[in-house]
PDB file of N, CA and C in Angstrom:
ATOM      1  N   MET A   1      13.445   2.187   5.772  1.00  0.00           N
ATOM      2  CA  MET A   1      12.888   2.561   4.492  1.00  0.00           C
ATOM      3  C   MET A   1      11.510   3.183   4.707  1.00  0.00           C
ATOM      4  N   THR A   2      11.244   4.283   4.038  1.00  0.00           N
ATOM      5  CA  THR A   2       9.952   4.952   4.181  1.00  0.00           C
ATOM      6  C   THR A   2       8.932   4.356   3.221  1.00  0.00           C
ATOM      7  N   LYS A   3       7.696   4.375   3.638  1.00  0.00           N
ATOM      8  CA  LYS A   3       6.623   3.868   2.785  1.00  0.00           C
ATOM      9  C   LYS A   3       6.169   4.964   1.832  1.00  0.00           C
ATOM     10  N   SER A   4       5.948   4.554   0.607  1.00  0.00           N
ATOM     11  CA  SER A   4       5.451   5.482  -0.402  1.00  0.00           C
ATOM     12  C   SER A   4       3.929   5.466  -0.391  1.00  0.00           C
ATOM     13  N   LYS A   5       3.330   6.584  -0.730  1.00  0.00           N
ATOM     14  CA  LYS A   5       1.879   6.608  -0.828  1.00  0.00           C
ATOM     15  C   LYS A   5       1.405   6.012  -2.153  1.00  0.00           C
ATOM     16  N   PHE A   6       2.355   5.708  -3.048  1.00  0.00           N
ATOM     17  CA  PHE A   6       2.024   5.133  -4.341  1.00  0.00           C
ATOM     18  C   PHE A   6       2.265   3.629  -4.328  1.00  0.00           C
ATOM     19  N   LYS A   7       1.443   2.902  -5.064  1.00  0.00           N
ATOM     20  CA  LYS A   7       1.604   1.460  -5.205  1.00  0.00           C
ATOM     21  C   LYS A   7       2.551   1.119  -6.352  1.00  0.00           C
ATOM     22  N   ILE A   8       2.434   1.857  -7.442  1.00  0.00           N
ATOM     23  CA  ILE A   8       3.248   1.588  -8.625  1.00  0.00           C
ATOM     24  C   ILE A   8       3.822   2.902  -9.145  1.00  0.00           C
ATOM     25  N   SER A   9       5.123   2.894  -9.404  1.00  0.00           N
ATOM     26  CA  SER A   9       5.788   4.049 -10.013  1.00  0.00           C
ATOM     27  C   SER A   9       6.226   3.664 -11.419  1.00  0.00           C
ATOM     28  N   PHE A  10       5.829   4.448 -12.398  1.00  0.00           N
ATOM     29  CA  PHE A  10       6.269   4.269 -13.771  1.00  0.00           C
ATOM     30  C   PHE A  10       7.381   5.278 -14.020  1.00  0.00           C
ATOM     31  N   ILE A  11       8.509   4.802 -14.519  1.00  0.00           N
ATOM     32  CA  ILE A  11       9.639   5.685 -14.804  1.00  0.00           C
ATOM     33  C   ILE A  11       9.929   5.601 -16.290  1.00  0.00           C
ATOM     34  N   VAL A  12       9.874   6.751 -16.951  1.00  0.00           N
ATOM     35  CA  VAL A  12      10.104   6.808 -18.392  1.00  0.00           C
ATOM     36  C   VAL A  12      11.115   7.910 -18.698  1.00  0.00           C
ATOM     37  N   THR A  13      11.779   7.776 -19.835  1.00  0.00           N
ATOM     38  CA  THR A  13      12.707   8.818 -20.271  1.00  0.00           C
ATOM     39  C   THR A  13      12.196   9.445 -21.559  1.00  0.00           C
ATOM     40  N   THR A  14      12.557  10.687 -21.745  1.00  0.00           N
ATOM     41  CA  THR A  14      12.229  11.386 -22.987  1.00  0.00           C
ATOM     42  C   THR A  14      13.190  12.556 -23.137  1.00  0.00           C
ATOM     43  N   ARG A  15      13.044  13.269 -24.198  1.00  0.00           N
ATOM     44  CA  ARG A  15      13.848  14.470 -24.425  1.00  0.00           C
ATOM     45  C   ARG A  15      13.013  15.477 -25.195  1.00  0.00           C
ATOM     46  N   ASN A  16      13.448  16.710 -25.227  1.00  0.00           N
ATOM     47  CA  ASN A  16      12.606  17.773 -25.788  1.00  0.00           C
ATOM     48  C   ASN A  16      12.974  18.168 -27.215  1.00  0.00           C
ATOM     49  N   ASP A  17      13.722  17.326 -27.916  1.00  0.00           N
ATOM     50  CA  ASP A  17      14.152  17.720 -29.260  1.00  0.00           C
ATOM     51  C   ASP A  17      13.490  16.896 -30.369  1.00  0.00           C
ATOM     52  N   ASN A  18      12.454  16.132 -30.024  1.00  0.00           N
ATOM     53  CA  ASN A  18      11.731  15.316 -30.998  1.00  0.00           C
ATOM     54  C   ASN A  18      12.658  14.325 -31.689  1.00  0.00           C
ATOM     55  N   HIS A  19      13.644  13.834 -30.960  1.00  0.00           N
ATOM     56  CA  HIS A  19      14.631  12.875 -31.464  1.00  0.00           C
ATOM     57  C   HIS A  19      13.946  11.604 -31.961  1.00  0.00           C
ATOM     58  N   GLY A  20      14.456  11.031 -33.007  1.00  0.00           N
ATOM     59  CA  GLY A  20      13.872   9.796 -33.531  1.00  0.00           C
ATOM     60  C   GLY A  20      12.629  10.097 -34.352  1.00  0.00           C
ATOM     61  N   LEU A  21      11.782   9.138 -34.451  1.00  0.00           N
ATOM     62  CA  LEU A  21      10.599   9.278 -35.277  1.00  0.00           C
ATOM     63  C   LEU A  21       9.415   9.768 -34.448  1.00  0.00           C
ATOM     64  N   ASN A  22       9.069  11.033 -34.574  1.00  0.00           N
ATOM     65  CA  ASN A  22       7.886  11.616 -33.925  1.00  0.00           C
ATOM     66  C   ASN A  22       7.848  11.421 -32.410  1.00  0.00           C
ATOM     67  N   LEU A  23       8.947  11.663 -31.728  1.00  0.00           N
ATOM     68  CA  LEU A  23       8.999  11.446 -30.283  1.00  0.00           C
ATOM     69  C   LEU A  23       7.976  12.286 -29.536  1.00  0.00           C
ATOM     70  N   ASN A  24       7.797  13.536 -29.929  1.00  0.00           N
ATOM     71  CA  ASN A  24       6.813  14.376 -29.229  1.00  0.00           C
ATOM     72  C   ASN A  24       5.404  13.814 -29.365  1.00  0.00           C
ATOM     73  N   LYS A  25       5.045  13.362 -30.545  1.00  0.00           N
ATOM     74  CA  LYS A  25       3.724  12.781 -30.772  1.00  0.00           C
ATOM     75  C   LYS A  25       3.560  11.491 -29.955  1.00  0.00           C
ATOM     76  N   ARG A  26       4.598  10.648 -29.940  1.00  0.00           N
ATOM     77  CA  ARG A  26       4.531   9.395 -29.183  1.00  0.00           C
ATOM     78  C   ARG A  26       4.465   9.653 -27.678  1.00  0.00           C
ATOM     79  N   THR A  27       5.166  10.680 -27.219  1.00  0.00           N
ATOM     80  CA  THR A  27       5.124  11.026 -25.796  1.00  0.00           C
ATOM     81  C   THR A  27       3.733  11.499 -25.398  1.00  0.00           C
ATOM     82  N   LYS A  28       3.132  12.338 -26.215  1.00  0.00           N
ATOM     83  CA  LYS A  28       1.776  12.806 -25.926  1.00  0.00           C
ATOM     84  C   LYS A  28       0.789  11.650 -25.921  1.00  0.00           C
ATOM     85  N   LEU A  29       0.920  10.737 -26.859  1.00  0.00           N
ATOM     86  CA  LEU A  29       0.054   9.559 -26.915  1.00  0.00           C
ATOM     87  C   LEU A  29       0.217   8.709 -25.648  1.00  0.00           C
ATOM     88  N   PHE A  30       1.459   8.516 -25.222  1.00  0.00           N
ATOM     89  CA  PHE A  30       1.714   7.774 -23.988  1.00  0.00           C
ATOM     90  C   PHE A  30       1.045   8.448 -22.796  1.00  0.00           C
ATOM     91  N   LEU A  31       1.235   9.760 -22.657  1.00  0.00           N
ATOM     92  CA  LEU A  31       0.663  10.483 -21.518  1.00  0.00           C
ATOM     93  C   LEU A  31      -0.862  10.399 -21.501  1.00  0.00           C
ATOM     94  N   ASP A  32      -1.470  10.586 -22.640  1.00  0.00           N
ATOM     95  CA  ASP A  32      -2.932  10.519 -22.710  1.00  0.00           C
ATOM     96  C   ASP A  32      -3.442   9.128 -22.334  1.00  0.00           C
ATOM     97  N   ASN A  33      -2.792   8.093 -22.827  1.00  0.00           N
ATOM     98  CA  ASN A  33      -3.196   6.731 -22.488  1.00  0.00           C
ATOM     99  C   ASN A  33      -2.935   6.406 -21.027  1.00  0.00           C
ATOM    100  N   TRP A  34      -1.839   6.877 -20.493  1.00  0.00           N
ATOM    101  CA  TRP A  34      -1.523   6.653 -19.077  1.00  0.00           C
ATOM    102  C   TRP A  34      -2.591   7.288 -18.195  1.00  0.00           C
ATOM    103  N   ILE A  35      -2.986   8.504 -18.535  1.00  0.00           N
ATOM    104  CA  ILE A  35      -4.018   9.203 -17.763  1.00  0.00           C
ATOM    105  C   ILE A  35      -5.332   8.432 -17.807  1.00  0.00           C
ATOM    106  N   ASN A  36      -5.709   7.953 -18.971  1.00  0.00           N
ATOM    107  CA  ASN A  36      -6.943   7.173 -19.089  1.00  0.00           C
ATOM    108  C   ASN A  36      -6.890   5.912 -18.232  1.00  0.00           C
ATOM    109  N   LYS A  37      -5.759   5.245 -18.204  1.00  0.00           N
ATOM    110  CA  LYS A  37      -5.622   4.012 -17.407  1.00  0.00           C
ATOM    111  C   LYS A  37      -5.697   4.290 -15.908  1.00  0.00           C
ATOM    112  N   ILE A  38      -5.020   5.320 -15.437  1.00  0.00           N
ATOM    113  CA  ILE A  38      -5.029   5.555 -13.987  1.00  0.00           C
ATOM    114  C   ILE A  38      -6.390   6.047 -13.507  1.00  0.00           C
ATOM    115  N   LYS A  39      -7.120   6.710 -14.359  1.00  0.00           N
ATOM    116  CA  LYS A  39      -8.460   7.168 -13.966  1.00  0.00           C
ATOM    117  C   LYS A  39      -9.432   6.000 -13.813  1.00  0.00           C
ATOM    118  N   LYS A  40      -9.193   4.913 -14.540  1.00  0.00           N
ATOM    119  CA  LYS A  40     -10.063   3.738 -14.475  1.00  0.00           C
ATOM    120  C   LYS A  40      -9.706   2.800 -13.326  1.00  0.00           C
ATOM    121  N   ASN A  41      -8.592   3.033 -12.685  1.00  0.00           N
ATOM    122  CA  ASN A  41      -8.094   2.119 -11.672  1.00  0.00           C
ATOM    123  C   ASN A  41      -8.056   2.811 -10.316  1.00  0.00           C
ATOM    124  N   LYS A  42      -8.232   2.065  -9.251  1.00  0.00           N
ATOM    125  CA  LYS A  42      -8.231   2.676  -7.927  1.00  0.00           C
ATOM    126  C   LYS A  42      -6.872   2.609  -7.235  1.00  0.00           C
ATOM    127  N   PHE A  43      -5.877   2.019  -7.902  1.00  0.00           N
ATOM    128  CA  PHE A  43      -4.543   1.981  -7.329  1.00  0.00           C
ATOM    129  C   PHE A  43      -3.915   3.369  -7.368  1.00  0.00           C
ATOM    130  N   LYS A  44      -2.922   3.558  -6.553  1.00  0.00           N
ATOM    131  CA  LYS A  44      -2.196   4.833  -6.518  1.00  0.00           C
ATOM    132  C   LYS A  44      -0.962   4.729  -7.408  1.00  0.00           C
ATOM    133  N   TYR A  45      -0.984   5.455  -8.503  1.00  0.00           N
ATOM    134  CA  TYR A  45       0.115   5.454  -9.448  1.00  0.00           C
ATOM    135  C   TYR A  45       0.843   6.788  -9.410  1.00  0.00           C
ATOM    136  N   GLU A  46       2.095   6.736  -9.819  1.00  0.00           N
ATOM    137  CA  GLU A  46       2.834   7.973 -10.071  1.00  0.00           C
ATOM    138  C   GLU A  46       3.652   7.773 -11.341  1.00  0.00           C
ATOM    139  N   LEU A  47       3.949   8.861 -11.994  1.00  0.00           N
ATOM    140  CA  LEU A  47       4.764   8.833 -13.193  1.00  0.00           C
ATOM    141  C   LEU A  47       5.977   9.714 -12.946  1.00  0.00           C
ATOM    142  N   ILE A  48       7.150   9.138 -13.152  1.00  0.00           N
ATOM    143  CA  ILE A  48       8.408   9.881 -13.026  1.00  0.00           C
ATOM    144  C   ILE A  48       9.005   9.960 -14.428  1.00  0.00           C
ATOM    145  N   ILE A  49       9.173  11.177 -14.907  1.00  0.00           N
ATOM    146  CA  ILE A  49       9.698  11.397 -16.256  1.00  0.00           C
ATOM    147  C   ILE A  49      11.127  11.914 -16.133  1.00  0.00           C
ATOM    148  N   ILE A  50      12.049  11.192 -16.749  1.00  0.00           N
ATOM    149  CA  ILE A  50      13.442  11.631 -16.789  1.00  0.00           C
ATOM    150  C   ILE A  50      13.642  12.344 -18.123  1.00  0.00           C
ATOM    151  N   GLU A  51      13.887  13.634 -18.036  1.00  0.00           N
ATOM    152  CA  GLU A  51      14.121  14.421 -19.255  1.00  0.00           C
ATOM    153  C   GLU A  51      15.617  14.412 -19.530  1.00  0.00           C
ATOM    154  N   TRP A  52      16.001  13.719 -20.580  1.00  0.00           N
ATOM    155  CA  TRP A  52      17.397  13.465 -20.893  1.00  0.00           C
ATOM    156  C   TRP A  52      17.868  14.390 -22.003  1.00  0.00           C
ATOM    157  N   ASN A  53      19.055  14.960 -21.822  1.00  0.00           N
ATOM    158  CA  ASN A  53      19.683  15.800 -22.844  1.00  0.00           C
ATOM    159  C   ASN A  53      18.787  16.965 -23.255  1.00  0.00           C
ATOM    160  N   ASN A  54      18.346  17.718 -22.285  1.00  0.00           N
ATOM    161  CA  ASN A  54      17.481  18.871 -22.516  1.00  0.00           C
ATOM    162  C   ASN A  54      18.201  19.909 -23.380  1.00  0.00           C
ATOM    163  N   ILE A  55      17.549  20.324 -24.443  1.00  0.00           N
ATOM    164  CA  ILE A  55      18.097  21.359 -25.332  1.00  0.00           C
ATOM    165  C   ILE A  55      17.638  22.712 -24.804  1.00  0.00           C
ATOM    166  N   ARG A  56      18.565  23.557 -24.431  1.00  0.00           N
ATOM    167  CA  ARG A  56      18.224  24.820 -23.761  1.00  0.00           C
ATOM    168  C   ARG A  56      17.354  25.745 -24.593  1.00  0.00           C
ATOM    169  N   LYS A  57      17.540  25.755 -25.891  1.00  0.00           N
ATOM    170  CA  LYS A  57      16.794  26.689 -26.736  1.00  0.00           C
ATOM    171  C   LYS A  57      15.354  26.239 -26.981  1.00  0.00           C
ATOM    172  N   LYS A  58      15.027  25.027 -26.583  1.00  0.00           N
ATOM    173  CA  LYS A  58      13.678  24.516 -26.794  1.00  0.00           C
ATOM    174  C   LYS A  58      12.939  24.449 -25.472  1.00  0.00           C
ATOM    175  N   LYS A  59      11.627  24.363 -25.555  1.00  0.00           N
ATOM    176  CA  LYS A  59      10.819  24.255 -24.342  1.00  0.00           C
ATOM    177  C   LYS A  59      11.174  22.978 -23.597  1.00  0.00           C
ATOM    178  N   ASN A  60      11.193  23.078 -22.277  1.00  0.00           N
ATOM    179  CA  ASN A  60      11.427  21.856 -21.523  1.00  0.00           C
ATOM    180  C   ASN A  60      10.170  20.998 -21.543  1.00  0.00           C
ATOM    181  N   PHE A  61      10.286  19.794 -21.033  1.00  0.00           N
ATOM    182  CA  PHE A  61       9.191  18.839 -21.113  1.00  0.00           C
ATOM    183  C   PHE A  61       7.920  19.375 -20.469  1.00  0.00           C
ATOM    184  N   TYR A  62       8.058  19.994 -19.314  1.00  0.00           N
ATOM    185  CA  TYR A  62       6.884  20.516 -18.615  1.00  0.00           C
ATOM    186  C   TYR A  62       6.143  21.537 -19.477  1.00  0.00           C
ATOM    187  N   LEU A  63       6.852  22.491 -20.003  1.00  0.00           N
ATOM    188  CA  LEU A  63       6.202  23.532 -20.797  1.00  0.00           C
ATOM    189  C   LEU A  63       5.635  22.984 -22.098  1.00  0.00           C
ATOM    190  N   ASN A  64       6.277  21.984 -22.642  1.00  0.00           N
ATOM    191  CA  ASN A  64       5.848  21.420 -23.916  1.00  0.00           C
ATOM    192  C   ASN A  64       4.607  20.540 -23.779  1.00  0.00           C
ATOM    193  N   PHE A  65       4.507  19.780 -22.683  1.00  0.00           N
ATOM    194  CA  PHE A  65       3.420  18.815 -22.554  1.00  0.00           C
ATOM    195  C   PHE A  65       2.529  19.038 -21.341  1.00  0.00           C
ATOM    196  N   LEU A  66       3.127  19.156 -20.185  1.00  0.00           N
ATOM    197  CA  LEU A  66       2.354  19.068 -18.950  1.00  0.00           C
ATOM    198  C   LEU A  66       1.710  20.365 -18.508  1.00  0.00           C
ATOM    199  N   ASN A  67       2.010  21.447 -19.146  1.00  0.00           N
ATOM    200  CA  ASN A  67       1.428  22.729 -18.767  1.00  0.00           C
ATOM    201  C   ASN A  67       0.046  22.897 -19.404  1.00  0.00           C
ATOM    202  N   LYS A  68      -0.678  21.824 -19.438  1.00  0.00           N
ATOM    203  CA  LYS A  68      -2.023  21.840 -20.011  1.00  0.00           C
ATOM    204  C   LYS A  68      -3.008  21.385 -18.942  1.00  0.00           C
ATOM    205  N   LYS A  69      -4.220  21.831 -19.058  1.00  0.00           N
ATOM    206  CA  LYS A  69      -5.231  21.589 -18.027  1.00  0.00           C
ATOM    207  C   LYS A  69      -5.405  20.112 -17.681  1.00  0.00           C
ATOM    208  N   LYS A  70      -5.411  19.228 -18.685  1.00  0.00           N
ATOM    209  CA  LYS A  70      -5.689  17.817 -18.407  1.00  0.00           C
ATOM    210  C   LYS A  70      -4.568  17.133 -17.627  1.00  0.00           C
ATOM    211  N   TYR A  71      -3.382  17.713 -17.582  1.00  0.00           N
ATOM    212  CA  TYR A  71      -2.270  17.115 -16.847  1.00  0.00           C
ATOM    213  C   TYR A  71      -2.083  17.706 -15.453  1.00  0.00           C
ATOM    214  N   LYS A  72      -2.813  18.741 -15.147  1.00  0.00           N
ATOM    215  CA  LYS A  72      -2.674  19.385 -13.835  1.00  0.00           C
ATOM    216  C   LYS A  72      -3.137  18.441 -12.731  1.00  0.00           C
ATOM    217  N   ASN A  73      -2.521  18.545 -11.581  1.00  0.00           N
ATOM    218  CA  ASN A  73      -2.889  17.786 -10.379  1.00  0.00           C
ATOM    219  C   ASN A  73      -2.761  16.270 -10.539  1.00  0.00           C
ATOM    220  N   LEU A  74      -1.935  15.828 -11.443  1.00  0.00           N
ATOM    221  CA  LEU A  74      -1.671  14.401 -11.577  1.00  0.00           C
ATOM    222  C   LEU A  74      -0.340  14.079 -10.900  1.00  0.00           C
ATOM    223  N   PRO A  75      -0.177  12.844 -10.433  1.00  0.00           N
ATOM    224  CA  PRO A  75       1.063  12.477  -9.748  1.00  0.00           C
ATOM    225  C   PRO A  75       2.214  12.272 -10.731  1.00  0.00           C
ATOM    226  N   ILE A  76       2.711  13.378 -11.261  1.00  0.00           N
ATOM    227  CA  ILE A  76       3.790  13.341 -12.248  1.00  0.00           C
ATOM    228  C   ILE A  76       4.952  14.183 -11.738  1.00  0.00           C
ATOM    229  N   ARG A  77       6.148  13.590 -11.752  1.00  0.00           N
ATOM    230  CA  ARG A  77       7.368  14.320 -11.401  1.00  0.00           C
ATOM    231  C   ARG A  77       8.298  14.305 -12.601  1.00  0.00           C
ATOM    232  N   ILE A  78       9.008  15.395 -12.782  1.00  0.00           N
ATOM    233  CA  ILE A  78       9.977  15.479 -13.874  1.00  0.00           C
ATOM    234  C   ILE A  78      11.358  15.703 -13.279  1.00  0.00           C
ATOM    235  N   ILE A  79      12.294  14.882 -13.712  1.00  0.00           N
ATOM    236  CA  ILE A  79      13.692  15.037 -13.302  1.00  0.00           C
ATOM    237  C   ILE A  79      14.476  15.321 -14.575  1.00  0.00           C
ATOM    238  N   THR A  80      15.113  16.481 -14.623  1.00  0.00           N
ATOM    239  CA  THR A  80      15.895  16.855 -15.799  1.00  0.00           C
ATOM    240  C   THR A  80      17.361  16.544 -15.545  1.00  0.00           C
ATOM    241  N   VAL A  81      17.934  15.724 -16.417  1.00  0.00           N
ATOM    242  CA  VAL A  81      19.353  15.375 -16.314  1.00  0.00           C
ATOM    243  C   VAL A  81      20.140  16.503 -16.964  1.00  0.00           C
ATOM    244  N   PRO A  82      21.060  17.117 -16.235  1.00  0.00           N
ATOM    245  CA  PRO A  82      21.842  18.216 -16.803  1.00  0.00           C
ATOM    246  C   PRO A  82      22.702  17.753 -17.990  1.00  0.00           C
ATOM    247  N   SER A  83      22.935  18.652 -18.926  1.00  0.00           N
ATOM    248  CA  SER A  83      23.723  18.351 -20.128  1.00  0.00           C
ATOM    249  C   SER A  83      25.112  17.840 -19.787  1.00  0.00           C
ATOM    250  N   LYS A  84      25.685  18.299 -18.681  1.00  0.00           N
ATOM    251  CA  LYS A  84      27.054  17.877 -18.361  1.00  0.00           C
ATOM    252  C   LYS A  84      27.138  16.352 -18.178  1.00  0.00           C
ATOM    253  N   PHE A  85      26.080  15.719 -17.698  1.00  0.00           N
ATOM    254  CA  PHE A  85      26.090  14.269 -17.552  1.00  0.00           C
ATOM    255  C   PHE A  85      25.940  13.587 -18.905  1.00  0.00           C
ATOM    256  N   HIS A  86      25.134  14.156 -19.771  1.00  0.00           N
ATOM    257  CA  HIS A  86      24.995  13.608 -21.116  1.00  0.00           C
ATOM    258  C   HIS A  86      26.311  13.705 -21.869  1.00  0.00           C
ATOM    259  N   ASN A  87      27.002  14.810 -21.709  1.00  0.00           N
ATOM    260  CA  ASN A  87      28.257  15.027 -22.410  1.00  0.00           C
ATOM    261  C   ASN A  87      29.363  14.091 -21.948  1.00  0.00           C
ATOM    262  N   ILE A  88      29.292  13.644 -20.700  1.00  0.00           N
ATOM    263  CA  ILE A  88      30.294  12.705 -20.171  1.00  0.00           C
ATOM    264  C   ILE A  88      30.183  11.363 -20.886  1.00  0.00           C
ATOM    265  N   LEU A  89      28.946  10.961 -21.149  1.00  0.00           N
ATOM    266  CA  LEU A  89      28.730   9.664 -21.799  1.00  0.00           C
ATOM    267  C   LEU A  89      28.974   9.803 -23.268  1.00  0.00           C
TER     268      LEU A  89
END
């Protein structure tokens, strides 16, 4: 097993269609708070975002949220689950 350079990995799911009650607003609030917490701590954190059921006609998660200056150079990875897997379930 290889050693990770991170101490804690946070894995969250989201989608780009604002599903539910204000999902985009809640996601932005989560990201802003997460950034504030990791800046105050000396541990090595990473955030893995699973983008579920991506709607092709809408901006993907990266373009919608992370393509902003305050999110640049942060340990954030995005994994987009293809629609074919969503459709199977």
